[in-house]
């Protein structure tokens, strides 16, 4: 099985995060594999490979509302989408589901860059 890794403390913030779950809801709730460090108003793009289900959301982007340190809601109605389900048995998927920050609707650069020494 491939091992996927996303640096929890990258040089540049905000960074992509691996997705553990996406709910079927009017405003989908996305759960990341660890703290995302995102802020409300950011725009993220969701990537979901076919084997994860919910392929209808793949490539869509929308503003988010942060709910907890590892969850956020996204303004995409997924009620009629397939259920999200990460593959757990062979054949495993060689890609993983990701959320990637692509913009911000806020008037400031919240968490745009974090200098690391």
PDB file of N, CA and C in Angstrom:
ATOM      1  N   UNK A   1       0.842  -1.175   0.000  1.00  0.00           N
ATOM      2  CA  UNK A   1       0.000   0.000   0.000  1.00  0.00           C
ATOM      3  C   UNK A   1       0.886   1.236   0.000  1.00  0.00           C
ATOM      4  N   UNK A   2       0.580   2.222  -0.863  1.00  0.00           N
ATOM      5  CA  UNK A   2       1.360   3.455  -0.849  1.00  0.00           C
ATOM      6  C   UNK A   2       1.155   4.199   0.467  1.00  0.00           C
ATOM      7  N   UNK A   3       2.174   4.877   0.903  1.00  0.00           N
ATOM      8  CA  UNK A   3       2.075   5.683   2.110  1.00  0.00           C
ATOM      9  C   UNK A   3       2.059   7.139   1.674  1.00  0.00           C
ATOM     10  N   UNK A   4       0.984   7.851   2.011  1.00  0.00           N
ATOM     11  CA  UNK A   4       0.857   9.251   1.625  1.00  0.00           C
ATOM     12  C   UNK A   4       1.314  10.119   2.778  1.00  0.00           C
ATOM     13  N   UNK A   5       1.984  11.191   2.438  1.00  0.00           N
ATOM     14  CA  UNK A   5       2.524  12.065   3.464  1.00  0.00           C
ATOM     15  C   UNK A   5       2.272  13.512   3.082  1.00  0.00           C
ATOM     16  N   UNK A   6       1.805  14.291   4.014  1.00  0.00           N
ATOM     17  CA  UNK A   6       1.686  15.737   3.862  1.00  0.00           C
ATOM     18  C   UNK A   6       2.359  16.348   5.077  1.00  0.00           C
ATOM     19  N   UNK A   7       3.283  17.242   4.857  1.00  0.00           N
ATOM     20  CA  UNK A   7       4.031  17.865   5.934  1.00  0.00           C
ATOM     21  C   UNK A   7       3.102  18.700   6.818  1.00  0.00           C
ATOM     22  N   UNK A   8       2.978  18.368   8.103  1.00  0.00           N
ATOM     23  CA  UNK A   8       2.089  19.139   8.977  1.00  0.00           C
ATOM     24  C   UNK A   8       2.617  20.529   9.303  1.00  0.00           C
ATOM     25  N   UNK A   9       3.877  20.804   9.037  1.00  0.00           N
ATOM     26  CA  UNK A   9       4.456  22.120   9.318  1.00  0.00           C
ATOM     27  C   UNK A   9       5.328  22.568   8.143  1.00  0.00           C
ATOM     28  N   UNK A  10       4.711  22.813   6.978  1.00  0.00           N
ATOM     29  CA  UNK A  10       5.492  23.183   5.797  1.00  0.00           C
ATOM     30  C   UNK A  10       6.037  24.604   5.886  1.00  0.00           C
ATOM     31  N   UNK A  11       6.999  24.906   5.036  1.00  0.00           N
ATOM     32  CA  UNK A  11       7.592  26.234   5.006  1.00  0.00           C
ATOM     33  C   UNK A  11       6.566  27.286   4.619  1.00  0.00           C
ATOM     34  N   UNK A  12       5.744  26.987   3.638  1.00  0.00           N
ATOM     35  CA  UNK A  12       4.742  27.946   3.174  1.00  0.00           C
ATOM     36  C   UNK A  12       3.363  27.516   3.641  1.00  0.00           C
ATOM     37  N   UNK A  13       2.613  28.475   4.150  1.00  0.00           N
ATOM     38  CA  UNK A  13       1.251  28.217   4.618  1.00  0.00           C
ATOM     39  C   UNK A  13       0.308  29.074   3.803  1.00  0.00           C
ATOM     40  N   UNK A  14      -0.893  28.723   3.579  1.00  0.00           N
ATOM     41  CA  UNK A  14      -1.481  27.429   3.903  1.00  0.00           C
ATOM     42  C   UNK A  14      -1.080  26.372   2.883  1.00  0.00           C
ATOM     43  N   UNK A  15      -1.047  25.154   3.313  1.00  0.00           N
ATOM     44  CA  UNK A  15      -0.585  24.063   2.474  1.00  0.00           C
ATOM     45  C   UNK A  15      -1.732  23.102   2.175  1.00  0.00           C
ATOM     46  N   UNK A  16      -1.499  22.236   1.198  1.00  0.00           N
ATOM     47  CA  UNK A  16      -2.489  21.208   0.893  1.00  0.00           C
ATOM     48  C   UNK A  16      -2.627  20.269   2.078  1.00  0.00           C
ATOM     49  N   UNK A  17      -3.791  19.657   2.177  1.00  0.00           N
ATOM     50  CA  UNK A  17      -4.052  18.695   3.241  1.00  0.00           C
ATOM     51  C   UNK A  17      -4.721  17.464   2.653  1.00  0.00           C
ATOM     52  N   UNK A  18      -4.421  16.304   3.237  1.00  0.00           N
ATOM     53  CA  UNK A  18      -5.065  15.067   2.840  1.00  0.00           C
ATOM     54  C   UNK A  18      -6.470  15.041   3.427  1.00  0.00           C
ATOM     55  N   UNK A  19      -7.420  14.500   2.677  1.00  0.00           N
ATOM     56  CA  UNK A  19      -8.813  14.442   3.128  1.00  0.00           C
ATOM     57  C   UNK A  19      -9.121  13.051   3.658  1.00  0.00           C
ATOM     58  N   UNK A  20      -9.665  12.992   4.877  1.00  0.00           N
ATOM     59  CA  UNK A  20     -10.100  11.733   5.479  1.00  0.00           C
ATOM     60  C   UNK A  20     -11.578  11.456   5.213  1.00  0.00           C
ATOM     61  N   UNK A  21     -12.388  12.527   5.106  1.00  0.00           N
ATOM     62  CA  UNK A  21     -13.822  12.322   4.920  1.00  0.00           C
ATOM     63  C   UNK A  21     -14.471  13.574   4.353  1.00  0.00           C
ATOM     64  N   UNK A  22     -15.562  13.371   3.607  1.00  0.00           N
ATOM     65  CA  UNK A  22     -16.423  14.451   3.122  1.00  0.00           C
ATOM     66  C   UNK A  22     -17.854  13.977   3.315  1.00  0.00           C
ATOM     67  N   UNK A  23     -18.675  14.795   3.952  1.00  0.00           N
ATOM     68  CA  UNK A  23     -20.063  14.402   4.206  1.00  0.00           C
ATOM     69  C   UNK A  23     -20.946  14.712   3.002  1.00  0.00           C
ATOM     70  N   UNK A  24     -22.068  14.017   2.927  1.00  0.00           N
ATOM     71  CA  UNK A  24     -23.111  14.339   1.956  1.00  0.00           C
ATOM     72  C   UNK A  24     -24.064  15.309   2.640  1.00  0.00           C
ATOM     73  N   UNK A  25     -23.981  16.582   2.276  1.00  0.00           N
ATOM     74  CA  UNK A  25     -24.795  17.608   2.925  1.00  0.00           C
ATOM     75  C   UNK A  25     -24.926  18.820   2.018  1.00  0.00           C
ATOM     76  N   UNK A  26     -25.860  19.719   2.350  1.00  0.00           N
ATOM     77  CA  UNK A  26     -26.045  20.940   1.572  1.00  0.00           C
ATOM     78  C   UNK A  26     -24.756  21.753   1.540  1.00  0.00           C
ATOM     79  N   UNK A  27     -24.079  21.846   2.674  1.00  0.00           N
ATOM     80  CA  UNK A  27     -22.720  22.385   2.745  1.00  0.00           C
ATOM     81  C   UNK A  27     -21.854  21.263   3.301  1.00  0.00           C
ATOM     82  N   UNK A  28     -21.069  20.635   2.442  1.00  0.00           N
ATOM     83  CA  UNK A  28     -20.280  19.465   2.835  1.00  0.00           C
ATOM     84  C   UNK A  28     -19.285  19.832   3.929  1.00  0.00           C
ATOM     85  N   UNK A  29     -19.061  18.900   4.845  1.00  0.00           N
ATOM     86  CA  UNK A  29     -18.038  19.054   5.878  1.00  0.00           C
ATOM     87  C   UNK A  29     -16.864  18.165   5.490  1.00  0.00           C
ATOM     88  N   UNK A  30     -15.690  18.771   5.403  1.00  0.00           N
ATOM     89  CA  UNK A  30     -14.470  18.070   5.019  1.00  0.00           C
ATOM     90  C   UNK A  30     -13.617  17.881   6.261  1.00  0.00           C
ATOM     91  N   UNK A  31     -13.147  16.648   6.470  1.00  0.00           N
ATOM     92  CA  UNK A  31     -12.247  16.338   7.581  1.00  0.00           C
ATOM     93  C   UNK A  31     -10.873  16.050   7.012  1.00  0.00           C
ATOM     94  N   UNK A  32      -9.864  16.740   7.527  1.00  0.00           N
ATOM     95  CA  UNK A  32      -8.491  16.537   7.057  1.00  0.00           C
ATOM     96  C   UNK A  32      -7.763  15.571   7.992  1.00  0.00           C
ATOM     97  N   UNK A  33      -6.644  15.032   7.503  1.00  0.00           N
ATOM     98  CA  UNK A  33      -5.924  14.012   8.272  1.00  0.00           C
ATOM     99  C   UNK A  33      -5.217  14.582   9.502  1.00  0.00           C
ATOM    100  N   UNK A  34      -4.978  15.880   9.545  1.00  0.00           N
ATOM    101  CA  UNK A  34      -4.439  16.568  10.713  1.00  0.00           C
ATOM    102  C   UNK A  34      -4.822  18.031  10.622  1.00  0.00           C
ATOM    103  N   UNK A  35      -4.473  18.849  11.616  1.00  0.00           N
ATOM    104  CA  UNK A  35      -4.866  20.259  11.637  1.00  0.00           C
ATOM    105  C   UNK A  35      -4.529  20.931  10.310  1.00  0.00           C
ATOM    106  N   UNK A  36      -5.501  21.686   9.791  1.00  0.00           N
ATOM    107  CA  UNK A  36      -5.322  22.291   8.472  1.00  0.00           C
ATOM    108  C   UNK A  36      -4.744  23.700   8.505  1.00  0.00           C
ATOM    109  N   UNK A  37      -4.865  24.419   9.583  1.00  0.00           N
ATOM    110  CA  UNK A  37      -4.383  25.805   9.701  1.00  0.00           C
ATOM    111  C   UNK A  37      -5.022  26.734   8.678  1.00  0.00           C
ATOM    112  N   UNK A  38      -6.240  26.428   8.245  1.00  0.00           N
ATOM    113  CA  UNK A  38      -6.952  27.281   7.296  1.00  0.00           C
ATOM    114  C   UNK A  38      -7.764  28.315   8.060  1.00  0.00           C
ATOM    115  N   UNK A  39      -8.245  29.336   7.352  1.00  0.00           N
ATOM    116  CA  UNK A  39      -9.088  30.348   7.974  1.00  0.00           C
ATOM    117  C   UNK A  39     -10.372  30.493   7.159  1.00  0.00           C
ATOM    118  N   UNK A  40     -11.421  30.899   7.837  1.00  0.00           N
ATOM    119  CA  UNK A  40     -12.710  31.104   7.187  1.00  0.00           C
ATOM    120  C   UNK A  40     -12.555  32.129   6.069  1.00  0.00           C
ATOM    121  N   UNK A  41     -13.141  31.836   4.924  1.00  0.00           N
ATOM    122  CA  UNK A  41     -13.062  32.724   3.772  1.00  0.00           C
ATOM    123  C   UNK A  41     -12.051  32.280   2.735  1.00  0.00           C
ATOM    124  N   UNK A  42     -11.179  31.352   3.106  1.00  0.00           N
ATOM    125  CA  UNK A  42     -10.223  30.831   2.124  1.00  0.00           C
ATOM    126  C   UNK A  42     -10.985  30.054   1.057  1.00  0.00           C
ATOM    127  N   UNK A  43     -10.405  29.980  -0.113  1.00  0.00           N
ATOM    128  CA  UNK A  43     -10.976  29.186  -1.197  1.00  0.00           C
ATOM    129  C   UNK A  43     -10.064  27.990  -1.408  1.00  0.00           C
ATOM    130  N   UNK A  44     -10.654  26.792  -1.379  1.00  0.00           N
ATOM    131  CA  UNK A  44      -9.880  25.576  -1.601  1.00  0.00           C
ATOM    132  C   UNK A  44     -10.445  24.827  -2.796  1.00  0.00           C
ATOM    133  N   UNK A  45      -9.599  24.068  -3.444  1.00  0.00           N
ATOM    134  CA  UNK A  45     -10.014  23.169  -4.525  1.00  0.00           C
ATOM    135  C   UNK A  45      -9.895  21.749  -3.994  1.00  0.00           C
ATOM    136  N   UNK A  46     -10.909  20.942  -4.275  1.00  0.00           N
ATOM    137  CA  UNK A  46     -10.972  19.567  -3.793  1.00  0.00           C
ATOM    138  C   UNK A  46     -10.607  18.617  -4.935  1.00  0.00           C
ATOM    139  N   UNK A  47      -9.708  17.689  -4.652  1.00  0.00           N
ATOM    140  CA  UNK A  47      -9.339  16.647  -5.612  1.00  0.00           C
ATOM    141  C   UNK A  47      -9.682  15.289  -4.998  1.00  0.00           C
ATOM    142  N   UNK A  48     -10.504  14.509  -5.699  1.00  0.00           N
ATOM    143  CA  UNK A  48     -10.911  13.196  -5.211  1.00  0.00           C
ATOM    144  C   UNK A  48     -10.784  12.179  -6.346  1.00  0.00           C
ATOM    145  N   UNK A  49      -9.857  11.217  -6.237  1.00  0.00           N
ATOM    146  CA  UNK A  49      -9.733  10.168  -7.250  1.00  0.00           C
ATOM    147  C   UNK A  49     -10.992   9.299  -7.299  1.00  0.00           C
ATOM    148  N   UNK A  50     -11.238   8.667  -8.431  1.00  0.00           N
ATOM    149  CA  UNK A  50     -12.441   7.851  -8.628  1.00  0.00           C
ATOM    150  C   UNK A  50     -12.644   6.796  -7.554  1.00  0.00           C
ATOM    151  N   UNK A  51     -11.589   6.135  -7.116  1.00  0.00           N
ATOM    152  CA  UNK A  51     -11.732   5.034  -6.158  1.00  0.00           C
ATOM    153  C   UNK A  51     -12.178   5.486  -4.773  1.00  0.00           C
ATOM    154  N   UNK A  52     -12.210   6.788  -4.524  1.00  0.00           N
ATOM    155  CA  UNK A  52     -12.664   7.318  -3.242  1.00  0.00           C
ATOM    156  C   UNK A  52     -14.159   7.596  -3.227  1.00  0.00           C
ATOM    157  N   UNK A  53     -14.833   7.403  -4.341  1.00  0.00           N
ATOM    158  CA  UNK A  53     -16.238   7.790  -4.431  1.00  0.00           C
ATOM    159  C   UNK A  53     -16.333   9.302  -4.510  1.00  0.00           C
ATOM    160  N   UNK A  54     -17.514   9.841  -4.519  1.00  0.00           N
ATOM    161  CA  UNK A  54     -17.757  11.280  -4.582  1.00  0.00           C
ATOM    162  C   UNK A  54     -16.905  11.962  -5.659  1.00  0.00           C
ATOM    163  N   UNK A  55     -16.745  11.317  -6.788  1.00  0.00           N
ATOM    164  CA  UNK A  55     -15.936  11.886  -7.873  1.00  0.00           C
ATOM    165  C   UNK A  55     -16.582  13.141  -8.452  1.00  0.00           C
ATOM    166  N   UNK A  56     -17.849  13.375  -8.156  1.00  0.00           N
ATOM    167  CA  UNK A  56     -18.531  14.574  -8.660  1.00  0.00           C
ATOM    168  C   UNK A  56     -17.926  15.862  -8.114  1.00  0.00           C
ATOM    169  N   UNK A  57     -17.289  15.792  -6.962  1.00  0.00           N
ATOM    170  CA  UNK A  57     -16.713  17.002  -6.350  1.00  0.00           C
ATOM    171  C   UNK A  57     -15.303  17.292  -6.873  1.00  0.00           C
ATOM    172  N   UNK A  58     -14.702  16.336  -7.565  1.00  0.00           N
ATOM    173  CA  UNK A  58     -13.318  16.475  -8.029  1.00  0.00           C
ATOM    174  C   UNK A  58     -13.124  17.732  -8.876  1.00  0.00           C
ATOM    175  N   UNK A  59     -12.144  18.558  -8.488  1.00  0.00           N
ATOM    176  CA  UNK A  59     -11.799  19.766  -9.233  1.00  0.00           C
ATOM    177  C   UNK A  59     -12.631  20.987  -8.899  1.00  0.00           C
ATOM    178  N   UNK A  60     -13.609  20.863  -8.009  1.00  0.00           N
ATOM    179  CA  UNK A  60     -14.432  22.014  -7.649  1.00  0.00           C
ATOM    180  C   UNK A  60     -13.739  22.843  -6.572  1.00  0.00           C
ATOM    181  N   UNK A  61     -14.023  24.145  -6.587  1.00  0.00           N
ATOM    182  CA  UNK A  61     -13.469  25.013  -5.556  1.00  0.00           C
ATOM    183  C   UNK A  61     -14.568  25.911  -4.993  1.00  0.00           C
ATOM    184  N   UNK A  62     -14.372  26.302  -3.740  1.00  0.00           N
ATOM    185  CA  UNK A  62     -15.358  27.133  -3.049  1.00  0.00           C
ATOM    186  C   UNK A  62     -14.757  27.684  -1.760  1.00  0.00           C
ATOM    187  N   UNK A  63     -15.353  28.760  -1.233  1.00  0.00           N
ATOM    188  CA  UNK A  63     -14.926  29.282   0.072  1.00  0.00           C
ATOM    189  C   UNK A  63     -15.274  28.302   1.184  1.00  0.00           C
ATOM    190  N   UNK A  64     -14.528  28.385   2.272  1.00  0.00           N
ATOM    191  CA  UNK A  64     -14.748  27.490   3.404  1.00  0.00           C
ATOM    192  C   UNK A  64     -15.124  28.267   4.657  1.00  0.00           C
ATOM    193  N   UNK A  65     -15.714  27.542   5.602  1.00  0.00           N
ATOM    194  CA  UNK A  65     -15.964  28.042   6.946  1.00  0.00           C
ATOM    195  C   UNK A  65     -15.318  27.051   7.902  1.00  0.00           C
ATOM    196  N   UNK A  66     -14.354  27.505   8.671  1.00  0.00           N
ATOM    197  CA  UNK A  66     -13.643  26.625   9.598  1.00  0.00           C
ATOM    198  C   UNK A  66     -14.573  26.249  10.741  1.00  0.00           C
ATOM    199  N   UNK A  67     -14.649  24.940  11.039  1.00  0.00           N
ATOM    200  CA  UNK A  67     -15.478  24.428  12.133  1.00  0.00           C
ATOM    201  C   UNK A  67     -14.621  24.012  13.323  1.00  0.00           C
ATOM    202  N   UNK A  68     -13.562  23.243  13.062  1.00  0.00           N
ATOM    203  CA  UNK A  68     -12.609  22.831  14.101  1.00  0.00           C
ATOM    204  C   UNK A  68     -11.219  22.864  13.476  1.00  0.00           C
ATOM    205  N   UNK A  69     -10.223  22.453  14.228  1.00  0.00           N
ATOM    206  CA  UNK A  69      -8.853  22.488  13.723  1.00  0.00           C
ATOM    207  C   UNK A  69      -8.625  21.529  12.558  1.00  0.00           C
ATOM    208  N   UNK A  70      -9.483  20.497  12.431  1.00  0.00           N
ATOM    209  CA  UNK A  70      -9.300  19.565  11.315  1.00  0.00           C
ATOM    210  C   UNK A  70     -10.562  19.371  10.468  1.00  0.00           C
ATOM    211  N   UNK A  71     -11.561  20.254  10.634  1.00  0.00           N
ATOM    212  CA  UNK A  71     -12.754  20.201   9.783  1.00  0.00           C
ATOM    213  C   UNK A  71     -13.139  21.592   9.312  1.00  0.00           C
ATOM    214  N   UNK A  72     -13.767  21.632   8.153  1.00  0.00           N
ATOM    215  CA  UNK A  72     -14.329  22.871   7.629  1.00  0.00           C
ATOM    216  C   UNK A  72     -15.510  22.516   6.738  1.00  0.00           C
ATOM    217  N   UNK A  73     -16.437  23.461   6.587  1.00  0.00           N
ATOM    218  CA  UNK A  73     -17.531  23.256   5.650  1.00  0.00           C
ATOM    219  C   UNK A  73     -17.190  23.998   4.365  1.00  0.00           C
ATOM    220  N   UNK A  74     -17.676  23.456   3.272  1.00  0.00           N
ATOM    221  CA  UNK A  74     -17.404  24.025   1.965  1.00  0.00           C
ATOM    222  C   UNK A  74     -18.732  24.264   1.266  1.00  0.00           C
ATOM    223  N   UNK A  75     -18.865  25.374   0.579  1.00  0.00           N
ATOM    224  CA  UNK A  75     -20.124  25.769  -0.041  1.00  0.00           C
ATOM    225  C   UNK A  75     -20.390  24.982  -1.323  1.00  0.00           C
ATOM    226  N   UNK A  76     -20.440  23.661  -1.182  1.00  0.00           N
ATOM    227  CA  UNK A  76     -20.781  22.769  -2.292  1.00  0.00           C
ATOM    228  C   UNK A  76     -21.841  21.800  -1.786  1.00  0.00           C
ATOM    229  N   UNK A  77     -22.961  21.704  -2.497  1.00  0.00           N
ATOM    230  CA  UNK A  77     -24.044  20.797  -2.127  1.00  0.00           C
ATOM    231  C   UNK A  77     -23.709  19.390  -2.620  1.00  0.00           C
ATOM    232  N   UNK A  78     -23.417  18.485  -1.683  1.00  0.00           N
ATOM    233  CA  UNK A  78     -23.043  17.113  -2.036  1.00  0.00           C
ATOM    234  C   UNK A  78     -24.139  16.107  -1.691  1.00  0.00           C
ATOM    235  N   UNK A  79     -25.348  16.582  -1.436  1.00  0.00           N
ATOM    236  CA  UNK A  79     -26.414  15.678  -1.012  1.00  0.00           C
ATOM    237  C   UNK A  79     -26.707  14.583  -2.036  1.00  0.00           C
ATOM    238  N   UNK A  80     -26.587  14.868  -3.320  1.00  0.00           N
ATOM    239  CA  UNK A  80     -26.880  13.871  -4.355  1.00  0.00           C
ATOM    240  C   UNK A  80     -25.616  13.223  -4.920  1.00  0.00           C
ATOM    241  N   UNK A  81     -24.456  13.479  -4.312  1.00  0.00           N
ATOM    242  CA  UNK A  81     -23.196  12.885  -4.770  1.00  0.00           C
ATOM    243  C   UNK A  81     -23.042  11.476  -4.186  1.00  0.00           C
ATOM    244  N   UNK A  82     -22.165  10.689  -4.798  1.00  0.00           N
ATOM    245  CA  UNK A  82     -21.815   9.396  -4.223  1.00  0.00           C
ATOM    246  C   UNK A  82     -21.171   9.620  -2.856  1.00  0.00           C
ATOM    247  N   UNK A  83     -21.205   8.612  -2.002  1.00  0.00           N
ATOM    248  CA  UNK A  83     -20.565   8.714  -0.686  1.00  0.00           C
ATOM    249  C   UNK A  83     -19.048   8.680  -0.827  1.00  0.00           C
ATOM    250  N   UNK A  84     -18.376   9.438   0.036  1.00  0.00           N
ATOM    251  CA  UNK A  84     -16.909   9.440   0.075  1.00  0.00           C
ATOM    252  C   UNK A  84     -16.456   8.227   0.871  1.00  0.00           C
ATOM    253  N   UNK A  85     -15.496   7.497   0.327  1.00  0.00           N
ATOM    254  CA  UNK A  85     -14.986   6.322   1.016  1.00  0.00           C
ATOM    255  C   UNK A  85     -13.572   6.029   0.540  1.00  0.00           C
ATOM    256  N   UNK A  86     -12.605   6.174   1.425  1.00  0.00           N
ATOM    257  CA  UNK A  86     -11.210   5.894   1.070  1.00  0.00           C
ATOM    258  C   UNK A  86     -11.022   4.391   0.903  1.00  0.00           C
ATOM    259  N   UNK A  87     -10.308   3.946  -0.144  1.00  0.00           N
ATOM    260  CA  UNK A  87     -10.089   2.512  -0.323  1.00  0.00           C
ATOM    261  C   UNK A  87      -9.239   1.935   0.805  1.00  0.00           C
ATOM    262  N   UNK A  88      -9.675   0.790   1.341  1.00  0.00           N
ATOM    263  CA  UNK A  88      -8.938   0.165   2.442  1.00  0.00           C
ATOM    264  C   UNK A  88      -8.452  -1.241   2.100  1.00  0.00           C
ATOM    265  N   UNK A  89      -8.879  -1.755   0.974  1.00  0.00           N
ATOM    266  CA  UNK A  89      -8.431  -3.077   0.552  1.00  0.00           C
ATOM    267  C   UNK A  89      -7.867  -2.999  -0.856  1.00  0.00           C
ATOM    268  N   UNK A  90      -6.973  -3.897  -1.229  1.00  0.00           N
ATOM    269  CA  UNK A  90      -6.412  -3.884  -2.585  1.00  0.00           C
ATOM    270  C   UNK A  90      -7.518  -4.043  -3.630  1.00  0.00           C
ATOM    271  N   UNK A  91      -7.395  -3.482  -4.837  1.00  0.00           N
ATOM    272  CA  UNK A  91      -6.249  -2.674  -5.237  1.00  0.00           C
ATOM    273  C   UNK A  91      -6.369  -1.254  -4.694  1.00  0.00           C
ATOM    274  N   UNK A  92      -5.306  -0.783  -4.076  1.00  0.00           N
ATOM    275  CA  UNK A  92      -5.292   0.565  -3.520  1.00  0.00           C
ATOM    276  C   UNK A  92      -5.184   1.598  -4.637  1.00  0.00           C
ATOM    277  N   UNK A  93      -5.592   2.773  -4.321  1.00  0.00           N
ATOM    278  CA  UNK A  93      -5.516   3.877  -5.267  1.00  0.00           C
ATOM    279  C   UNK A  93      -4.126   4.502  -5.173  1.00  0.00           C
ATOM    280  N   UNK A  94      -3.515   4.823  -6.300  1.00  0.00           N
ATOM    281  CA  UNK A  94      -2.186   5.423  -6.296  1.00  0.00           C
ATOM    282  C   UNK A  94      -2.237   6.939  -6.167  1.00  0.00           C
ATOM    283  N   UNK A  95      -3.404   7.471  -5.995  1.00  0.00           N
ATOM    284  CA  UNK A  95      -3.589   8.896  -5.745  1.00  0.00           C
ATOM    285  C   UNK A  95      -4.381   9.018  -4.457  1.00  0.00           C
ATOM    286  N   UNK A  96      -4.342  10.186  -3.856  1.00  0.00           N
ATOM    287  CA  UNK A  96      -5.103  10.399  -2.630  1.00  0.00           C
ATOM    288  C   UNK A  96      -5.984  11.631  -2.785  1.00  0.00           C
ATOM    289  N   UNK A  97      -6.962  11.769  -1.920  1.00  0.00           N
ATOM    290  CA  UNK A  97      -7.840  12.939  -1.962  1.00  0.00           C
ATOM    291  C   UNK A  97      -7.150  14.100  -1.252  1.00  0.00           C
ATOM    292  N   UNK A  98      -7.270  15.289  -1.832  1.00  0.00           N
ATOM    293  CA  UNK A  98      -6.578  16.475  -1.325  1.00  0.00           C
ATOM    294  C   UNK A  98      -7.486  17.686  -1.324  1.00  0.00           C
ATOM    295  N   UNK A  99      -7.217  18.632  -0.424  1.00  0.00           N
ATOM    296  CA  UNK A  99      -7.764  19.976  -0.547  1.00  0.00           C
ATOM    297  C   UNK A  99      -6.559  20.910  -0.663  1.00  0.00           C
ATOM    298  N   UNK A 100      -6.642  21.809  -1.641  1.00  0.00           N
ATOM    299  CA  UNK A 100      -5.526  22.690  -1.950  1.00  0.00           C
ATOM    300  C   UNK A 100      -6.016  24.140  -1.913  1.00  0.00           C
ATOM    301  N   UNK A 101      -5.452  24.979  -1.045  1.00  0.00           N
ATOM    302  CA  UNK A 101      -5.834  26.395  -1.020  1.00  0.00           C
ATOM    303  C   UNK A 101      -5.472  27.069  -2.330  1.00  0.00           C
ATOM    304  N   UNK A 102      -6.414  27.838  -2.889  1.00  0.00           N
ATOM    305  CA  UNK A 102      -6.140  28.522  -4.153  1.00  0.00           C
ATOM    306  C   UNK A 102      -6.427  30.012  -4.084  1.00  0.00           C
ATOM    307  N   UNK A 103      -6.997  30.483  -2.975  1.00  0.00           N
ATOM    308  CA  UNK A 103      -7.299  31.908  -2.893  1.00  0.00           C
ATOM    309  C   UNK A 103      -7.888  32.271  -1.551  1.00  0.00           C
ATOM    310  N   UNK A 104      -8.358  33.519  -1.466  1.00  0.00           N
ATOM    311  CA  UNK A 104      -8.878  34.031  -0.217  1.00  0.00           C
ATOM    312  C   UNK A 104      -9.872  35.133  -0.536  1.00  0.00           C
ATOM    313  N   UNK A 105     -11.023  35.129   0.113  1.00  0.00           N
ATOM    314  CA  UNK A 105     -11.997  36.196  -0.076  1.00  0.00           C
ATOM    315  C   UNK A 105     -11.908  37.238   1.025  1.00  0.00           C
ATOM    316  N   UNK A 106     -10.944  37.083   1.933  1.00  0.00           N
ATOM    317  CA  UNK A 106     -10.728  38.071   2.992  1.00  0.00           C
ATOM    318  C   UNK A 106      -9.941  39.247   2.439  1.00  0.00           C
ATOM    319  N   UNK A 107      -9.926  40.358   3.164  1.00  0.00           N
ATOM    320  CA  UNK A 107      -9.196  41.545   2.737  1.00  0.00           C
ATOM    321  C   UNK A 107      -7.740  41.527   3.156  1.00  0.00           C
ATOM    322  N   UNK A 108      -7.311  40.496   3.848  1.00  0.00           N
ATOM    323  CA  UNK A 108      -5.924  40.414   4.276  1.00  0.00           C
ATOM    324  C   UNK A 108      -5.355  39.056   3.934  1.00  0.00           C
ATOM    325  N   UNK A 109      -4.068  38.914   4.028  1.00  0.00           N
ATOM    326  CA  UNK A 109      -3.398  37.658   3.721  1.00  0.00           C
ATOM    327  C   UNK A 109      -3.258  36.844   4.997  1.00  0.00           C
ATOM    328  N   UNK A 110      -4.309  36.203   5.421  1.00  0.00           N
ATOM    329  CA  UNK A 110      -4.274  35.390   6.632  1.00  0.00           C
ATOM    330  C   UNK A 110      -3.489  34.128   6.366  1.00  0.00           C
ATOM    331  N   UNK A 111      -2.442  33.897   7.143  1.00  0.00           N
ATOM    332  CA  UNK A 111      -1.616  32.703   7.042  1.00  0.00           C
ATOM    333  C   UNK A 111      -1.017  32.500   5.655  1.00  0.00           C
ATOM    334  N   UNK A 112      -0.776  33.578   4.921  1.00  0.00           N
ATOM    335  CA  UNK A 112      -0.268  33.438   3.563  1.00  0.00           C
ATOM    336  C   UNK A 112       1.138  32.844   3.549  1.00  0.00           C
ATOM    337  N   UNK A 113       1.986  33.322   4.427  1.00  0.00           N
ATOM    338  CA  UNK A 113       3.363  32.816   4.476  1.00  0.00           C
ATOM    339  C   UNK A 113       3.802  32.758   5.929  1.00  0.00           C
ATOM    340  N   UNK A 114       4.483  31.688   6.280  1.00  0.00           N
ATOM    341  CA  UNK A 114       5.045  31.592   7.622  1.00  0.00           C
ATOM    342  C   UNK A 114       6.528  31.336   7.448  1.00  0.00           C
ATOM    343  N   UNK A 115       7.357  32.222   7.945  1.00  0.00           N
ATOM    344  CA  UNK A 115       8.794  32.055   7.864  1.00  0.00           C
ATOM    345  C   UNK A 115       9.247  30.999   8.849  1.00  0.00           C
ATOM    346  N   UNK A 116      10.091  30.101   8.394  1.00  0.00           N
ATOM    347  CA  UNK A 116      10.573  29.018   9.231  1.00  0.00           C
ATOM    348  C   UNK A 116      12.095  29.104   9.263  1.00  0.00           C
ATOM    349  N   UNK A 117      12.653  29.003  10.461  1.00  0.00           N
ATOM    350  CA  UNK A 117      14.115  29.033  10.561  1.00  0.00           C
ATOM    351  C   UNK A 117      14.650  27.684  10.918  1.00  0.00           C
TER     352      UNK A 117
END
